[in-house]
PDB file of N, CA and C in Angstrom:
ATOM      1  N   UNK A   1     212.095   8.389  26.050  1.00  0.00           N
ATOM      2  CA  UNK A   1     211.915   8.679  24.561  1.00  0.00           C
ATOM      3  C   UNK A   1     212.918   8.046  24.001  1.00  0.00           C
ATOM      4  N   UNK A   2     214.147   8.027  24.445  1.00  0.00           N
ATOM      5  CA  UNK A   2     215.212   7.465  23.826  1.00  0.00           C
ATOM      6  C   UNK A   2     214.958   5.848  23.644  1.00  0.00           C
ATOM      7  N   UNK A   3     214.459   5.025  24.721  1.00  0.00           N
ATOM      8  CA  UNK A   3     214.344   3.759  24.567  1.00  0.00           C
ATOM      9  C   UNK A   3     212.991   3.223  24.050  1.00  0.00           C
ATOM     10  N   UNK A   4     212.116   4.318  23.415  1.00  0.00           N
ATOM     11  CA  UNK A   4     210.777   3.922  23.127  1.00  0.00           C
ATOM     12  C   UNK A   4     210.837   3.170  21.864  1.00  0.00           C
ATOM     13  N   UNK A   5     211.556   3.577  20.929  1.00  0.00           N
ATOM     14  CA  UNK A   5     211.541   2.629  19.537  1.00  0.00           C
ATOM     15  C   UNK A   5     212.090   1.241  19.856  1.00  0.00           C
ATOM     16  N   UNK A   6     213.226   1.227  20.788  1.00  0.00           N
ATOM     17  CA  UNK A   6     213.891   0.052  21.054  1.00  0.00           C
ATOM     18  C   UNK A   6     212.794  -1.013  21.902  1.00  0.00           C
ATOM     19  N   UNK A   7     211.990  -0.500  22.805  1.00  0.00           N
ATOM     20  CA  UNK A   7     211.127  -1.271  23.672  1.00  0.00           C
ATOM     21  C   UNK A   7     209.838  -1.672  22.548  1.00  0.00           C
ATOM     22  N   UNK A   8     209.655  -0.805  21.749  1.00  0.00           N
ATOM     23  CA  UNK A   8     208.233  -1.276  20.773  1.00  0.00           C
ATOM     24  C   UNK A   8     208.883  -2.339  19.950  1.00  0.00           C
ATOM     25  N   UNK A   9     210.019  -2.286  19.455  1.00  0.00           N
ATOM     26  CA  UNK A   9     210.495  -3.281  18.500  1.00  0.00           C
ATOM     27  C   UNK A   9     210.696  -4.557  19.345  1.00  0.00           C
ATOM     28  N   UNK A  10     211.154  -4.808  20.588  1.00  0.00           N
ATOM     29  CA  UNK A  10     211.463  -5.808  21.369  1.00  0.00           C
ATOM     30  C   UNK A  10     209.979  -6.278  21.892  1.00  0.00           C
ATOM     31  N   UNK A  11     209.031  -5.459  22.162  1.00  0.00           N
ATOM     32  CA  UNK A  11     207.731  -6.000  22.474  1.00  0.00           C
ATOM     33  C   UNK A  11     206.954  -6.943  21.309  1.00  0.00           C
ATOM     34  N   UNK A  12     207.125  -6.168  19.982  1.00  0.00           N
ATOM     35  CA  UNK A  12     206.635  -6.846  18.765  1.00  0.00           C
ATOM     36  C   UNK A  12     207.357  -8.334  18.637  1.00  0.00           C
ATOM     37  N   UNK A  13     208.627  -8.378  18.981  1.00  0.00           N
ATOM     38  CA  UNK A  13     209.239  -9.539  18.787  1.00  0.00           C
ATOM     39  C   UNK A  13     208.769 -10.770  19.758  1.00  0.00           C
ATOM     40  N   UNK A  14     208.575 -10.353  20.997  1.00  0.00           N
ATOM     41  CA  UNK A  14     208.229 -11.104  21.976  1.00  0.00           C
ATOM     42  C   UNK A  14     206.961 -11.606  21.776  1.00  0.00           C
ATOM     43  N   UNK A  15     206.017 -10.509  21.194  1.00  0.00           N
ATOM     44  CA  UNK A  15     204.420 -10.934  20.700  1.00  0.00           C
ATOM     45  C   UNK A  15     204.620 -12.006  19.830  1.00  0.00           C
ATOM     46  N   UNK A  16     205.461 -11.999  18.918  1.00  0.00           N
ATOM     47  CA  UNK A  16     205.586 -12.969  17.766  1.00  0.00           C
ATOM     48  C   UNK A  16     206.040 -14.395  18.296  1.00  0.00           C
ATOM     49  N   UNK A  17     206.748 -14.344  19.135  1.00  0.00           N
ATOM     50  CA  UNK A  17     207.670 -15.600  19.674  1.00  0.00           C
ATOM     51  C   UNK A  17     206.729 -16.241  20.563  1.00  0.00           C
ATOM     52  N   UNK A  18     205.861 -15.626  21.403  1.00  0.00           N
ATOM     53  CA  UNK A  18     205.227 -16.115  22.351  1.00  0.00           C
ATOM     54  C   UNK A  18     203.570 -15.886  21.866  1.00  0.00           C
ATOM     55  N   UNK A  19     203.053 -15.912  20.781  1.00  0.00           N
ATOM     56  CA  UNK A  19     201.815 -15.844  20.220  1.00  0.00           C
ATOM     57  C   UNK A  19     200.950 -16.776  20.655  1.00  0.00           C
ATOM     58  N   UNK A  20     201.297 -17.992  20.922  1.00  0.00           N
ATOM     59  CA  UNK A  20     200.503 -19.146  21.348  1.00  0.00           C
ATOM     60  C   UNK A  20     200.078 -19.080  22.933  1.00  0.00           C
ATOM     61  N   UNK A  21     200.788 -18.255  23.638  1.00  0.00           N
ATOM     62  CA  UNK A  21     200.849 -18.323  25.018  1.00  0.00           C
ATOM     63  C   UNK A  21     199.889 -17.113  25.441  1.00  0.00           C
ATOM     64  N   UNK A  22     199.267 -17.760  26.937  1.00  0.00           N
ATOM     65  CA  UNK A  22     198.579 -16.503  27.376  1.00  0.00           C
ATOM     66  C   UNK A  22     199.274 -15.774  28.344  1.00  0.00           C
ATOM     67  N   UNK A  23     198.771 -14.620  28.778  1.00  0.00           N
ATOM     68  CA  UNK A  23     199.429 -13.889  29.815  1.00  0.00           C
ATOM     69  C   UNK A  23     199.597 -14.898  31.070  1.00  0.00           C
ATOM     70  N   UNK A  24     198.654 -15.721  31.503  1.00  0.00           N
ATOM     71  CA  UNK A  24     198.879 -16.469  32.675  1.00  0.00           C
ATOM     72  C   UNK A  24     199.907 -17.677  32.662  1.00  0.00           C
ATOM     73  N   UNK A  25     200.219 -17.954  31.523  1.00  0.00           N
ATOM     74  CA  UNK A  25     201.359 -18.998  31.123  1.00  0.00           C
ATOM     75  C   UNK A  25     202.564 -18.236  31.412  1.00  0.00           C
ATOM     76  N   UNK A  26     202.819 -16.826  30.961  1.00  0.00           N
ATOM     77  CA  UNK A  26     203.862 -16.222  31.237  1.00  0.00           C
ATOM     78  C   UNK A  26     204.238 -15.957  32.644  1.00  0.00           C
ATOM     79  N   UNK A  27     203.003 -15.665  33.420  1.00  0.00           N
ATOM     80  CA  UNK A  27     203.423 -15.376  34.922  1.00  0.00           C
ATOM     81  C   UNK A  27     203.342 -16.358  35.543  1.00  0.00           C
ATOM     82  N   UNK A  28     203.057 -17.572  35.254  1.00  0.00           N
ATOM     83  CA  UNK A  28     203.222 -18.951  35.735  1.00  0.00           C
ATOM     84  C   UNK A  28     204.693 -19.260  36.024  1.00  0.00           C
ATOM     85  N   UNK A  29     205.549 -18.680  35.018  1.00  0.00           N
ATOM     86  CA  UNK A  29     207.153 -18.860  35.052  1.00  0.00           C
ATOM     87  C   UNK A  29     207.711 -18.080  36.123  1.00  0.00           C
ATOM     88  N   UNK A  30     208.662 -18.546  36.632  1.00  0.00           N
ATOM     89  CA  UNK A  30     209.355 -17.847  37.757  1.00  0.00           C
ATOM     90  C   UNK A  30     209.924 -16.401  37.154  1.00  0.00           C
ATOM     91  N   UNK A  31     210.309 -16.604  36.044  1.00  0.00           N
ATOM     92  CA  UNK A  31     210.947 -15.253  35.485  1.00  0.00           C
ATOM     93  C   UNK A  31     209.786 -14.166  35.298  1.00  0.00           C
ATOM     94  N   UNK A  32     208.843 -14.652  34.773  1.00  0.00           N
ATOM     95  CA  UNK A  32     207.713 -13.636  34.692  1.00  0.00           C
ATOM     96  C   UNK A  32     207.133 -13.155  35.809  1.00  0.00           C
ATOM     97  N   UNK A  33     207.069 -13.757  36.732  1.00  0.00           N
ATOM     98  CA  UNK A  33     206.571 -13.323  38.246  1.00  0.00           C
ATOM     99  C   UNK A  33     207.433 -12.313  38.520  1.00  0.00           C
ATOM    100  N   UNK A  34     208.828 -12.465  38.621  1.00  0.00           N
ATOM    101  CA  UNK A  34     209.747 -11.546  39.068  1.00  0.00           C
ATOM    102  C   UNK A  34     209.719 -10.207  38.126  1.00  0.00           C
ATOM    103  N   UNK A  35     209.604 -10.375  36.898  1.00  0.00           N
ATOM    104  CA  UNK A  35     209.353  -9.471  36.042  1.00  0.00           C
ATOM    105  C   UNK A  35     208.073  -8.606  36.404  1.00  0.00           C
ATOM    106  N   UNK A  36     207.229  -9.040  36.562  1.00  0.00           N
ATOM    107  CA  UNK A  36     205.918  -8.624  37.004  1.00  0.00           C
ATOM    108  C   UNK A  36     205.874  -7.727  38.445  1.00  0.00           C
ATOM    109  N   UNK A  37     206.766  -8.426  39.178  1.00  0.00           N
ATOM    110  CA  UNK A  37     206.868  -7.740  40.374  1.00  0.00           C
ATOM    111  C   UNK A  37     207.899  -6.427  40.505  1.00  0.00           C
ATOM    112  N   UNK A  38     208.814  -6.607  39.600  1.00  0.00           N
ATOM    113  CA  UNK A  38     209.859  -5.300  39.224  1.00  0.00           C
ATOM    114  C   UNK A  38     208.904  -4.116  38.508  1.00  0.00           C
ATOM    115  N   UNK A  39     207.866  -4.586  37.675  1.00  0.00           N
ATOM    116  CA  UNK A  39     207.201  -3.517  37.063  1.00  0.00           C
ATOM    117  C   UNK A  39     206.111  -2.819  37.929  1.00  0.00           C
ATOM    118  N   UNK A  40     205.621  -3.584  38.867  1.00  0.00           N
ATOM    119  CA  UNK A  40     204.810  -3.216  39.900  1.00  0.00           C
ATOM    120  C   UNK A  40     205.340  -2.240  41.059  1.00  0.00           C
ATOM    121  N   UNK A  41     206.669  -2.603  41.349  1.00  0.00           N
ATOM    122  CA  UNK A  41     207.423  -2.018  42.103  1.00  0.00           C
ATOM    123  C   UNK A  41     207.894  -0.419  41.665  1.00  0.00           C
ATOM    124  N   UNK A  42     208.156  -0.565  40.438  1.00  0.00           N
ATOM    125  CA  UNK A  42     208.533   0.848  39.632  1.00  0.00           C
ATOM    126  C   UNK A  42     207.273   1.606  39.712  1.00  0.00           C
ATOM    127  N   UNK A  43     206.153   1.025  39.390  1.00  0.00           N
ATOM    128  CA  UNK A  43     204.861   2.103  39.247  1.00  0.00           C
ATOM    129  C   UNK A  43     204.615   2.747  40.670  1.00  0.00           C
ATOM    130  N   UNK A  44     204.678   1.658  41.838  1.00  0.00           N
ATOM    131  CA  UNK A  44     204.470   2.121  42.928  1.00  0.00           C
ATOM    132  C   UNK A  44     205.470   3.244  43.493  1.00  0.00           C
ATOM    133  N   UNK A  45     206.672   2.919  43.297  1.00  0.00           N
ATOM    134  CA  UNK A  45     207.797   4.058  43.720  1.00  0.00           C
ATOM    135  C   UNK A  45     207.483   5.330  43.018  1.00  0.00           C
ATOM    136  N   UNK A  46     207.088   5.105  41.814  1.00  0.00           N
ATOM    137  CA  UNK A  46     206.940   6.367  41.046  1.00  0.00           C
ATOM    138  C   UNK A  46     205.940   7.166  41.372  1.00  0.00           C
ATOM    139  N   UNK A  47     204.756   6.305  41.763  1.00  0.00           N
ATOM    140  CA  UNK A  47     203.653   7.247  42.210  1.00  0.00           C
ATOM    141  C   UNK A  47     203.955   7.578  43.395  1.00  0.00           C
ATOM    142  N   UNK A  48     204.323   7.081  44.480  1.00  0.00           N
ATOM    143  CA  UNK A  48     204.302   7.541  45.771  1.00  0.00           C
ATOM    144  C   UNK A  48     205.700   8.529  46.057  1.00  0.00           C
ATOM    145  N   UNK A  49     206.785   8.406  45.111  1.00  0.00           N
ATOM    146  CA  UNK A  49     207.946   9.336  45.169  1.00  0.00           C
ATOM    147  C   UNK A  49     207.333  10.723  44.800  1.00  0.00           C
ATOM    148  N   UNK A  50     206.503  10.801  43.842  1.00  0.00           N
ATOM    149  CA  UNK A  50     205.994  12.105  43.532  1.00  0.00           C
ATOM    150  C   UNK A  50     204.978  12.794  44.503  1.00  0.00           C
ATOM    151  N   UNK A  51     204.393  12.111  45.316  1.00  0.00           N
ATOM    152  CA  UNK A  51     203.375  12.491  46.156  1.00  0.00           C
ATOM    153  C   UNK A  51     204.224  12.935  47.501  1.00  0.00           C
ATOM    154  N   UNK A  52     205.308  12.523  47.686  1.00  0.00           N
ATOM    155  CA  UNK A  52     205.945  13.318  48.750  1.00  0.00           C
ATOM    156  C   UNK A  52     206.639  14.666  48.511  1.00  0.00           C
ATOM    157  N   UNK A  53     206.657  15.336  49.601  1.00  0.00           N
ATOM    158  CA  UNK A  53     206.976  16.871  49.347  1.00  0.00           C
ATOM    159  C   UNK A  53     208.571  16.897  48.887  1.00  0.00           C
TER     160      UNK A  53
END
């Protein structure tokens, strides 16, 4: 909740800067791929950590 407004503002900035790029062009870059993997791992870890007793 604390980072929500900050994340929203930075997402809007990124969308303005990269408005001509498709998501595939971003993921083709090494940094985009690493960020995607970090996000996927975070979701995976969050889902399965809650499932454990």
